[in-house]
């Protein structure tokens, strides 16, 4: 005879798939997770959505696990994409927002903020304000005597006219340490000439 038993119906809810509809609590959970991203935990999002605090951790885990609730994970991603599209940064939106900030600042008499907003607009454009920085490595100790003399000669050519008066004034001051460093510089400058 036939010893096969009839198949039992599974207990509980049927397994969710990508096309399952979200319940009201699940919709609230999706909105809580995405809108408070990084500010609250998944457990807190489940509690805010209406799940009991005693099982909120488990529910949050289940709803964010694509093996258990793929339809909720898909809804979370879709809502994130929607918010990214709505609030994402684009070049045009960035320039427009900076222009609004500038205009409001001018209306309110905050000229410093207006200038800063306009400056940032120019930086974003990329061809108005260009950052230039020069990093030099090494000290005078790593230079040879010829390099030091060459650098002193360049300084001498570029120095203002009153520099000699400052050096003479410094020569007349008593040197507490007795190192004579000012005189050494002056003597170096005179030997270069």
N, C-alpha and C. Protein backbone atom coordinates (compact mmCIF):
# COMPACT_ATOMS: atom_id res chain seq x y z
N UNK A 1 0.80 -1.18 0.00
CA UNK A 1 0.00 0.00 0.00
C UNK A 1 0.85 1.25 0.00
N UNK A 2 0.17 2.33 -0.08
CA UNK A 2 0.83 3.61 -0.17
C UNK A 2 1.11 4.13 1.24
N UNK A 3 2.38 4.26 1.58
CA UNK A 3 2.77 4.72 2.91
C UNK A 3 3.07 6.22 2.93
N UNK A 4 2.75 6.90 1.89
CA UNK A 4 3.04 8.33 1.83
C UNK A 4 2.02 9.11 2.64
N UNK A 5 2.55 10.01 3.44
CA UNK A 5 1.68 10.87 4.23
C UNK A 5 1.37 12.12 3.42
N UNK A 6 0.20 12.66 3.60
CA UNK A 6 -0.09 13.91 2.90
C UNK A 6 0.81 15.02 3.42
N UNK A 7 1.18 15.95 2.54
CA UNK A 7 2.04 17.06 2.93
C UNK A 7 1.33 17.97 3.90
N UNK A 8 2.04 18.33 4.96
CA UNK A 8 1.45 19.24 5.94
C UNK A 8 1.63 20.66 5.46
N UNK A 9 0.64 21.44 5.78
CA UNK A 9 0.79 22.85 5.51
C UNK A 9 1.73 23.43 6.54
N UNK A 10 2.63 24.32 6.10
CA UNK A 10 3.59 24.92 7.04
C UNK A 10 2.89 25.81 8.05
N UNK A 11 3.48 25.93 9.17
CA UNK A 11 2.94 26.81 10.20
C UNK A 11 3.36 28.24 9.94
N UNK A 12 2.60 29.15 10.45
CA UNK A 12 2.95 30.56 10.36
C UNK A 12 2.68 31.14 8.99
N UNK A 13 3.31 32.26 8.78
CA UNK A 13 3.13 32.97 7.51
C UNK A 13 3.91 32.31 6.40
N UNK A 14 3.43 32.46 5.19
CA UNK A 14 4.23 31.96 4.06
C UNK A 14 5.48 32.82 3.91
N UNK A 15 6.51 32.21 3.38
CA UNK A 15 7.78 32.91 3.23
C UNK A 15 7.62 34.09 2.27
N UNK A 16 8.22 35.23 2.65
CA UNK A 16 8.11 36.45 1.84
C UNK A 16 9.03 36.37 0.63
N UNK A 17 8.60 36.97 -0.46
CA UNK A 17 9.45 37.07 -1.64
C UNK A 17 9.52 38.54 -2.06
N UNK A 18 10.19 38.82 -3.15
CA UNK A 18 10.40 40.21 -3.59
C UNK A 18 9.10 40.93 -3.92
N UNK A 19 8.04 40.18 -4.21
CA UNK A 19 6.80 40.80 -4.63
C UNK A 19 5.77 40.90 -3.51
N UNK A 20 6.15 40.51 -2.31
CA UNK A 20 5.22 40.61 -1.18
C UNK A 20 4.96 42.07 -0.85
N UNK A 21 3.75 42.33 -0.37
CA UNK A 21 3.40 43.69 0.02
C UNK A 21 3.89 43.95 1.43
N UNK A 22 4.22 45.23 1.68
CA UNK A 22 4.66 45.62 3.02
C UNK A 22 3.44 45.89 3.90
N UNK A 23 3.56 45.49 5.16
CA UNK A 23 2.52 45.85 6.12
C UNK A 23 2.73 47.29 6.54
N UNK A 24 1.79 47.84 7.27
CA UNK A 24 1.91 49.23 7.72
C UNK A 24 3.13 49.40 8.63
N UNK A 25 3.36 48.45 9.53
CA UNK A 25 4.53 48.54 10.42
C UNK A 25 5.82 48.45 9.63
N UNK A 26 5.83 47.59 8.62
CA UNK A 26 7.03 47.45 7.80
C UNK A 26 7.31 48.74 7.02
N UNK A 27 6.26 49.38 6.52
CA UNK A 27 6.44 50.66 5.84
C UNK A 27 7.02 51.71 6.79
N UNK A 28 6.49 51.75 8.01
CA UNK A 28 7.02 52.69 9.00
C UNK A 28 8.47 52.38 9.31
N UNK A 29 8.80 51.09 9.41
CA UNK A 29 10.18 50.69 9.69
C UNK A 29 11.11 51.17 8.58
N UNK A 30 10.70 50.98 7.33
CA UNK A 30 11.52 51.41 6.19
C UNK A 30 11.78 52.91 6.27
N UNK A 31 10.74 53.69 6.54
CA UNK A 31 10.90 55.15 6.61
C UNK A 31 11.77 55.56 7.79
N UNK A 32 11.62 54.88 8.93
CA UNK A 32 12.45 55.18 10.10
C UNK A 32 13.92 54.88 9.82
N UNK A 33 14.18 53.73 9.22
CA UNK A 33 15.57 53.32 8.95
C UNK A 33 16.25 54.31 8.00
N UNK A 34 15.57 54.67 6.93
CA UNK A 34 16.19 55.51 5.90
C UNK A 34 16.26 56.97 6.32
N UNK A 35 15.17 57.49 6.88
CA UNK A 35 15.18 58.92 7.22
C UNK A 35 16.06 59.23 8.42
N UNK A 36 16.27 58.27 9.30
CA UNK A 36 17.14 58.49 10.47
C UNK A 36 18.44 57.70 10.33
N UNK A 37 18.88 57.51 9.13
CA UNK A 37 20.06 56.70 8.85
C UNK A 37 21.27 57.17 9.64
N UNK A 38 21.80 56.30 10.48
CA UNK A 38 22.99 56.62 11.26
C UNK A 38 22.70 57.35 12.56
N UNK A 39 21.47 57.81 12.74
CA UNK A 39 21.14 58.54 13.97
C UNK A 39 20.47 57.64 15.00
N UNK A 40 19.82 56.59 14.56
CA UNK A 40 19.21 55.64 15.48
C UNK A 40 19.60 54.23 15.07
N UNK A 41 19.47 53.30 15.99
CA UNK A 41 19.79 51.91 15.69
C UNK A 41 18.59 51.26 15.01
N UNK A 42 18.82 50.08 14.45
CA UNK A 42 17.73 49.35 13.80
C UNK A 42 16.67 48.95 14.83
N UNK A 43 17.10 48.65 16.04
CA UNK A 43 16.17 48.30 17.12
C UNK A 43 15.26 49.48 17.43
N UNK A 44 15.85 50.66 17.53
CA UNK A 44 15.06 51.86 17.80
C UNK A 44 14.09 52.15 16.65
N UNK A 45 14.52 51.89 15.42
CA UNK A 45 13.64 52.08 14.27
C UNK A 45 12.45 51.13 14.35
N UNK A 46 12.69 49.88 14.77
CA UNK A 46 11.60 48.90 14.91
C UNK A 46 10.63 49.33 16.00
N UNK A 47 11.15 49.83 17.11
CA UNK A 47 10.29 50.30 18.20
C UNK A 47 9.46 51.49 17.72
N UNK A 48 10.11 52.44 17.02
CA UNK A 48 9.39 53.61 16.49
C UNK A 48 8.31 53.21 15.48
N UNK A 49 8.52 52.08 14.79
CA UNK A 49 7.55 51.62 13.81
C UNK A 49 6.37 50.91 14.46
N UNK A 50 6.48 50.61 15.76
CA UNK A 50 5.36 49.99 16.46
C UNK A 50 5.60 48.57 16.92
N UNK A 51 6.78 48.03 16.73
CA UNK A 51 7.06 46.68 17.21
C UNK A 51 7.34 46.74 18.71
N UNK A 52 6.99 45.67 19.46
CA UNK A 52 7.24 45.68 20.90
C UNK A 52 8.74 45.72 21.20
N UNK A 53 9.12 46.41 22.26
CA UNK A 53 10.53 46.57 22.62
C UNK A 53 11.19 45.23 22.92
N UNK A 54 10.41 44.28 23.43
CA UNK A 54 10.99 42.98 23.80
C UNK A 54 11.46 42.19 22.57
N UNK A 55 10.82 42.40 21.41
CA UNK A 55 11.22 41.65 20.22
C UNK A 55 11.73 42.56 19.10
N UNK A 56 11.94 43.84 19.39
CA UNK A 56 12.33 44.79 18.34
C UNK A 56 13.66 44.43 17.71
N UNK A 57 14.62 43.94 18.51
CA UNK A 57 15.93 43.60 17.97
C UNK A 57 15.81 42.47 16.94
N UNK A 58 15.03 41.45 17.28
CA UNK A 58 14.84 40.32 16.38
C UNK A 58 14.10 40.74 15.12
N UNK A 59 13.07 41.53 15.26
CA UNK A 59 12.31 41.99 14.10
C UNK A 59 13.19 42.85 13.18
N UNK A 60 14.01 43.71 13.78
CA UNK A 60 14.90 44.56 12.98
C UNK A 60 15.89 43.70 12.20
N UNK A 61 16.42 42.66 12.86
CA UNK A 61 17.35 41.76 12.17
C UNK A 61 16.65 41.06 11.01
N UNK A 62 15.47 40.54 11.27
CA UNK A 62 14.74 39.81 10.23
C UNK A 62 14.39 40.71 9.05
N UNK A 63 13.97 41.93 9.34
CA UNK A 63 13.54 42.82 8.25
C UNK A 63 14.70 43.36 7.43
N UNK A 64 15.91 43.33 7.97
CA UNK A 64 17.06 43.82 7.20
C UNK A 64 17.89 42.67 6.62
N UNK A 65 17.42 41.45 6.79
CA UNK A 65 18.10 40.29 6.23
C UNK A 65 17.46 39.93 4.90
N UNK A 66 18.20 40.02 3.79
CA UNK A 66 17.61 39.75 2.47
C UNK A 66 17.18 38.29 2.29
N UNK A 67 17.69 37.37 3.09
CA UNK A 67 17.28 35.97 3.00
C UNK A 67 15.88 35.76 3.60
N UNK A 68 15.56 36.57 4.61
CA UNK A 68 14.29 36.41 5.31
C UNK A 68 13.22 37.34 4.73
N UNK A 69 13.57 38.61 4.54
CA UNK A 69 12.60 39.61 4.05
C UNK A 69 13.19 40.40 2.88
N UNK A 70 13.29 39.78 1.72
CA UNK A 70 13.88 40.49 0.58
C UNK A 70 13.05 41.69 0.13
N UNK A 71 11.73 41.62 0.33
CA UNK A 71 10.86 42.72 -0.09
C UNK A 71 11.10 43.97 0.75
N UNK A 72 11.43 43.82 2.03
CA UNK A 72 11.72 44.97 2.88
C UNK A 72 13.08 45.57 2.53
N UNK A 73 14.07 44.71 2.30
CA UNK A 73 15.40 45.19 1.90
C UNK A 73 15.32 45.96 0.59
N UNK A 74 14.50 45.46 -0.35
CA UNK A 74 14.31 46.16 -1.62
C UNK A 74 13.62 47.51 -1.40
N UNK A 75 12.65 47.55 -0.49
CA UNK A 75 11.95 48.80 -0.20
C UNK A 75 12.89 49.81 0.45
N UNK A 76 13.77 49.34 1.34
CA UNK A 76 14.75 50.23 1.98
C UNK A 76 15.66 50.83 0.92
N UNK A 77 16.15 50.01 0.01
CA UNK A 77 17.05 50.50 -1.04
C UNK A 77 16.33 51.45 -1.98
N UNK A 78 15.08 51.15 -2.31
CA UNK A 78 14.32 52.02 -3.21
C UNK A 78 14.08 53.38 -2.56
N UNK A 79 13.77 53.39 -1.26
CA UNK A 79 13.53 54.65 -0.56
C UNK A 79 14.83 55.45 -0.45
N UNK A 80 15.95 54.77 -0.21
CA UNK A 80 17.25 55.47 -0.18
C UNK A 80 17.56 56.10 -1.53
N UNK A 81 17.32 55.36 -2.60
CA UNK A 81 17.56 55.90 -3.94
C UNK A 81 16.69 57.11 -4.21
N UNK A 82 15.44 57.04 -3.76
CA UNK A 82 14.51 58.16 -3.96
C UNK A 82 15.00 59.41 -3.23
N UNK A 83 15.45 59.23 -1.99
CA UNK A 83 15.96 60.38 -1.23
C UNK A 83 17.26 60.92 -1.81
N UNK A 84 18.12 60.01 -2.30
CA UNK A 84 19.37 60.45 -2.93
C UNK A 84 19.08 61.30 -4.17
N UNK A 85 18.08 60.87 -4.93
CA UNK A 85 17.73 61.63 -6.13
C UNK A 85 17.14 62.99 -5.75
N UNK A 86 16.35 63.01 -4.70
CA UNK A 86 15.68 64.24 -4.29
C UNK A 86 16.65 65.22 -3.64
N UNK A 87 17.51 64.73 -2.75
CA UNK A 87 18.38 65.61 -1.99
C UNK A 87 19.86 65.50 -2.36
N UNK A 88 20.19 64.68 -3.34
CA UNK A 88 21.58 64.49 -3.71
C UNK A 88 22.24 65.77 -4.21
N UNK A 89 23.54 65.78 -4.16
CA UNK A 89 24.30 66.95 -4.58
C UNK A 89 24.65 66.82 -6.05
N UNK A 90 24.22 67.80 -6.81
CA UNK A 90 24.64 67.90 -8.20
C UNK A 90 25.32 69.25 -8.35
N UNK A 91 26.06 69.39 -9.40
CA UNK A 91 26.81 70.63 -9.60
C UNK A 91 25.87 71.83 -9.71
N UNK A 92 24.83 71.70 -10.52
CA UNK A 92 23.90 72.81 -10.72
C UNK A 92 23.17 73.17 -9.42
N UNK A 93 22.72 72.13 -8.70
CA UNK A 93 22.01 72.37 -7.44
C UNK A 93 22.94 73.05 -6.42
N UNK A 94 24.18 72.62 -6.39
CA UNK A 94 25.16 73.20 -5.47
C UNK A 94 25.37 74.69 -5.75
N UNK A 95 25.56 75.03 -7.00
CA UNK A 95 25.76 76.43 -7.36
C UNK A 95 24.51 77.26 -7.08
N UNK A 96 23.35 76.69 -7.37
CA UNK A 96 22.09 77.39 -7.11
C UNK A 96 21.90 77.65 -5.62
N UNK A 97 22.19 76.64 -4.79
CA UNK A 97 22.04 76.81 -3.34
C UNK A 97 23.01 77.85 -2.79
N UNK A 98 24.24 77.85 -3.29
CA UNK A 98 25.20 78.86 -2.85
C UNK A 98 24.75 80.26 -3.26
N UNK A 99 24.13 80.36 -4.43
CA UNK A 99 23.62 81.66 -4.87
C UNK A 99 22.49 82.12 -3.97
N UNK A 100 21.60 81.21 -3.59
CA UNK A 100 20.51 81.55 -2.66
C UNK A 100 21.07 82.01 -1.31
N UNK A 101 22.06 81.30 -0.83
CA UNK A 101 22.69 81.68 0.45
C UNK A 101 23.28 83.07 0.34
N UNK A 102 23.98 83.33 -0.76
CA UNK A 102 24.57 84.65 -0.97
C UNK A 102 23.51 85.74 -0.98
N UNK A 103 22.43 85.50 -1.73
CA UNK A 103 21.37 86.51 -1.84
C UNK A 103 20.70 86.77 -0.50
N UNK A 104 20.43 85.72 0.27
CA UNK A 104 19.83 85.89 1.59
C UNK A 104 20.78 86.64 2.53
N UNK A 105 22.06 86.32 2.43
CA UNK A 105 23.05 86.99 3.28
C UNK A 105 23.11 88.48 2.96
N UNK A 106 23.05 88.83 1.69
CA UNK A 106 23.07 90.24 1.31
C UNK A 106 21.81 90.94 1.83
N UNK A 107 20.66 90.29 1.69
CA UNK A 107 19.41 90.87 2.20
C UNK A 107 19.47 91.13 3.69
N UNK A 108 20.12 90.23 4.42
CA UNK A 108 20.21 90.36 5.88
C UNK A 108 21.40 91.19 6.33
N UNK A 109 22.18 91.69 5.40
CA UNK A 109 23.32 92.53 5.75
C UNK A 109 24.53 91.75 6.22
N UNK A 110 24.55 90.45 6.01
CA UNK A 110 25.69 89.61 6.40
C UNK A 110 26.64 89.52 5.22
N UNK A 111 27.38 90.59 5.01
CA UNK A 111 28.23 90.67 3.82
C UNK A 111 29.38 89.67 3.84
N UNK A 112 29.89 89.36 5.03
CA UNK A 112 30.96 88.38 5.13
C UNK A 112 30.48 87.01 4.64
N UNK A 113 29.28 86.62 5.07
CA UNK A 113 28.72 85.34 4.62
C UNK A 113 28.45 85.37 3.12
N UNK A 114 28.01 86.50 2.61
CA UNK A 114 27.74 86.62 1.17
C UNK A 114 29.03 86.46 0.37
N UNK A 115 30.09 87.09 0.84
CA UNK A 115 31.38 86.98 0.16
C UNK A 115 31.86 85.54 0.20
N UNK A 116 31.71 84.90 1.34
CA UNK A 116 32.15 83.51 1.49
C UNK A 116 31.37 82.59 0.56
N UNK A 117 30.06 82.79 0.45
CA UNK A 117 29.25 81.97 -0.44
C UNK A 117 29.66 82.18 -1.90
N UNK A 118 29.90 83.42 -2.25
CA UNK A 118 30.32 83.72 -3.63
C UNK A 118 31.69 83.12 -3.91
N UNK A 119 32.58 83.20 -2.93
CA UNK A 119 33.92 82.61 -3.08
C UNK A 119 33.80 81.09 -3.30
N UNK A 120 32.93 80.44 -2.54
CA UNK A 120 32.75 78.99 -2.68
C UNK A 120 32.12 78.65 -4.04
N UNK A 121 31.25 79.50 -4.54
CA UNK A 121 30.70 79.28 -5.88
C UNK A 121 31.82 79.31 -6.92
N UNK A 122 32.72 80.28 -6.77
CA UNK A 122 33.86 80.37 -7.68
C UNK A 122 34.77 79.17 -7.59
N UNK A 123 34.97 78.67 -6.36
CA UNK A 123 35.79 77.48 -6.19
C UNK A 123 35.14 76.27 -6.84
N UNK A 124 33.83 76.16 -6.67
CA UNK A 124 33.12 75.01 -7.26
C UNK A 124 33.21 75.04 -8.77
N UNK A 125 33.19 76.23 -9.34
CA UNK A 125 33.31 76.36 -10.78
C UNK A 125 34.67 75.84 -11.26
N UNK A 126 35.68 76.02 -10.44
CA UNK A 126 36.98 75.42 -10.72
C UNK A 126 37.95 76.26 -11.50
N UNK A 127 37.52 77.34 -12.14
CA UNK A 127 38.46 78.11 -12.93
C UNK A 127 38.59 79.55 -12.47
N UNK A 128 37.93 79.90 -11.36
CA UNK A 128 38.03 81.28 -10.88
C UNK A 128 39.07 81.39 -9.76
N UNK A 129 38.90 80.57 -8.74
CA UNK A 129 39.84 80.57 -7.61
C UNK A 129 40.61 79.27 -7.63
N UNK A 130 41.91 79.39 -7.72
CA UNK A 130 42.76 78.21 -7.79
C UNK A 130 43.63 78.18 -6.55
N UNK A 131 43.62 77.06 -5.85
CA UNK A 131 44.46 76.90 -4.67
C UNK A 131 45.87 76.55 -5.10
N UNK A 132 46.81 77.34 -4.64
CA UNK A 132 48.21 77.04 -4.91
C UNK A 132 48.91 76.93 -3.58
N UNK A 133 49.67 75.89 -3.43
CA UNK A 133 50.46 75.75 -2.21
C UNK A 133 51.80 75.15 -2.59
N UNK A 134 52.80 75.56 -1.89
CA UNK A 134 54.14 75.08 -2.16
C UNK A 134 54.70 74.55 -0.86
N UNK A 135 55.16 73.32 -0.89
CA UNK A 135 55.71 72.70 0.30
C UNK A 135 57.19 72.53 0.07
N UNK A 136 57.95 73.10 0.96
CA UNK A 136 59.40 72.98 0.84
C UNK A 136 59.92 72.10 1.96
N UNK A 137 60.84 71.27 1.61
CA UNK A 137 61.45 70.38 2.59
C UNK A 137 62.92 70.76 2.72
N UNK A 138 63.44 70.55 3.88
CA UNK A 138 64.85 70.82 4.09
C UNK A 138 65.06 72.07 4.91
N UNK A 139 66.26 72.22 5.42
CA UNK A 139 66.63 73.38 6.22
C UNK A 139 67.92 73.96 5.68
N UNK A 140 68.31 75.03 6.29
CA UNK A 140 69.57 75.67 5.87
C UNK A 140 70.75 74.75 6.17
N UNK A 141 70.58 73.87 7.16
CA UNK A 141 71.65 72.94 7.50
C UNK A 141 71.92 71.94 6.37
N UNK A 142 70.90 71.65 5.57
CA UNK A 142 71.09 70.69 4.49
C UNK A 142 71.60 71.34 3.22
N UNK A 143 71.78 72.67 3.23
CA UNK A 143 72.26 73.39 2.04
C UNK A 143 73.79 73.49 2.07
N UNK A 144 74.37 73.49 0.88
CA UNK A 144 75.81 73.68 0.80
C UNK A 144 76.11 75.18 0.95
N UNK A 145 77.38 75.52 1.11
CA UNK A 145 77.77 76.92 1.28
C UNK A 145 77.40 77.74 0.06
N UNK A 146 77.59 77.16 -1.13
CA UNK A 146 77.25 77.88 -2.37
C UNK A 146 75.74 78.14 -2.46
N UNK A 147 74.94 77.15 -2.05
CA UNK A 147 73.49 77.34 -2.07
C UNK A 147 73.05 78.42 -1.10
N UNK A 148 73.69 78.46 0.09
CA UNK A 148 73.35 79.48 1.08
C UNK A 148 73.72 80.86 0.54
N UNK A 149 74.90 80.99 -0.04
CA UNK A 149 75.32 82.28 -0.59
C UNK A 149 74.41 82.71 -1.74
N UNK A 150 73.99 81.77 -2.56
CA UNK A 150 73.08 82.09 -3.65
C UNK A 150 71.74 82.57 -3.11
N UNK A 151 71.24 81.91 -2.07
CA UNK A 151 69.96 82.30 -1.46
C UNK A 151 70.07 83.67 -0.82
N UNK A 152 71.19 83.96 -0.17
CA UNK A 152 71.40 85.27 0.43
C UNK A 152 71.46 86.35 -0.65
N UNK A 153 72.10 86.02 -1.76
CA UNK A 153 72.18 86.99 -2.85
C UNK A 153 70.79 87.30 -3.40
N UNK A 154 69.95 86.28 -3.55
CA UNK A 154 68.57 86.48 -4.01
C UNK A 154 67.79 87.33 -3.02
N UNK A 155 68.00 87.08 -1.73
CA UNK A 155 67.32 87.88 -0.71
C UNK A 155 67.77 89.33 -0.78
N UNK A 156 69.05 89.52 -1.00
CA UNK A 156 69.60 90.87 -1.07
C UNK A 156 68.99 91.64 -2.24
N UNK A 157 68.79 90.98 -3.35
CA UNK A 157 68.20 91.63 -4.52
C UNK A 157 66.73 91.97 -4.28
N UNK A 158 66.05 91.17 -3.50
CA UNK A 158 64.62 91.36 -3.29
C UNK A 158 64.29 92.14 -2.02
N UNK A 159 65.30 92.49 -1.24
CA UNK A 159 65.00 93.14 0.05
C UNK A 159 64.60 94.61 -0.16
N UNK A 160 63.76 95.14 0.73
CA UNK A 160 63.39 96.55 0.63
C UNK A 160 64.57 97.45 0.97
N UNK A 161 64.46 98.72 0.63
CA UNK A 161 65.58 99.65 0.80
C UNK A 161 65.96 99.86 2.26
N UNK A 162 65.01 99.78 3.15
CA UNK A 162 65.30 100.08 4.56
C UNK A 162 65.91 98.90 5.28
N UNK A 163 66.16 97.76 4.62
CA UNK A 163 66.71 96.59 5.29
C UNK A 163 68.10 96.87 5.85
N UNK A 164 68.92 97.64 5.12
CA UNK A 164 70.26 97.95 5.63
C UNK A 164 70.19 98.76 6.92
N UNK A 165 69.19 99.66 7.02
CA UNK A 165 69.04 100.44 8.24
C UNK A 165 68.69 99.53 9.40
N UNK A 166 67.83 98.53 9.17
CA UNK A 166 67.45 97.59 10.23
C UNK A 166 68.67 96.80 10.66
N UNK A 167 69.47 96.36 9.70
CA UNK A 167 70.67 95.59 10.05
C UNK A 167 71.63 96.45 10.86
N UNK A 168 71.83 97.70 10.47
CA UNK A 168 72.72 98.58 11.22
C UNK A 168 72.18 98.83 12.62
N UNK A 169 70.87 99.00 12.74
CA UNK A 169 70.25 99.21 14.04
C UNK A 169 70.46 97.98 14.93
N UNK A 170 70.31 96.79 14.33
CA UNK A 170 70.51 95.55 15.09
C UNK A 170 71.97 95.41 15.50
N UNK A 171 72.91 95.91 14.68
CA UNK A 171 74.32 95.85 15.03
C UNK A 171 74.62 96.69 16.26
N UNK A 172 73.96 97.80 16.40
CA UNK A 172 74.20 98.70 17.52
C UNK A 172 73.62 98.19 18.83
N UNK A 173 72.68 97.24 18.78
CA UNK A 173 72.11 96.67 20.00
C UNK A 173 73.12 95.73 20.63
N UNK A 174 73.18 95.72 21.97
CA UNK A 174 74.06 94.74 22.61
C UNK A 174 73.47 93.34 22.47
N UNK A 175 74.32 92.40 22.11
CA UNK A 175 73.87 91.04 21.90
C UNK A 175 74.02 90.28 23.21
N UNK A 176 72.92 89.82 23.81
CA UNK A 176 72.96 89.16 25.10
C UNK A 176 73.64 87.81 25.02
N UNK A 177 73.42 87.09 23.97
CA UNK A 177 74.01 85.76 23.87
C UNK A 177 75.45 85.82 23.39
N UNK A 178 75.81 86.87 22.75
CA UNK A 178 77.18 87.01 22.26
C UNK A 178 77.45 86.14 21.06
N UNK A 179 76.41 85.73 20.36
CA UNK A 179 76.63 84.84 19.23
C UNK A 179 77.03 85.61 17.98
N UNK A 180 76.65 86.89 17.90
CA UNK A 180 77.03 87.70 16.75
C UNK A 180 76.37 87.25 15.48
N UNK A 181 75.16 86.67 15.57
CA UNK A 181 74.51 86.14 14.38
C UNK A 181 74.11 87.25 13.42
N UNK A 182 73.72 88.43 13.93
CA UNK A 182 73.32 89.53 13.06
C UNK A 182 74.53 90.02 12.29
N UNK A 183 75.66 90.12 12.97
CA UNK A 183 76.87 90.56 12.27
C UNK A 183 77.30 89.56 11.21
N UNK A 184 77.14 88.28 11.51
CA UNK A 184 77.53 87.26 10.54
C UNK A 184 76.69 87.41 9.27
N UNK A 185 75.39 87.67 9.42
CA UNK A 185 74.52 87.85 8.25
C UNK A 185 74.93 89.09 7.48
N UNK A 186 75.21 90.20 8.24
CA UNK A 186 75.59 91.44 7.55
C UNK A 186 76.91 91.26 6.81
N UNK A 187 77.85 90.56 7.47
CA UNK A 187 79.15 90.35 6.81
C UNK A 187 78.96 89.47 5.55
N UNK A 188 78.06 88.49 5.63
CA UNK A 188 77.80 87.64 4.48
C UNK A 188 77.21 88.46 3.34
N UNK A 189 76.32 89.38 3.69
CA UNK A 189 75.69 90.19 2.67
C UNK A 189 76.71 91.13 2.01
N UNK A 190 77.62 91.69 2.80
CA UNK A 190 78.61 92.60 2.23
C UNK A 190 79.62 91.86 1.39
N UNK A 191 79.95 90.60 1.74
CA UNK A 191 80.90 89.83 0.92
C UNK A 191 80.29 89.42 -0.40
N UNK A 192 78.96 89.26 -0.42
CA UNK A 192 78.30 88.89 -1.67
C UNK A 192 78.39 90.02 -2.67
N UNK A 193 78.27 91.27 -2.19
CA UNK A 193 78.29 92.42 -3.09
C UNK A 193 79.67 92.53 -3.69
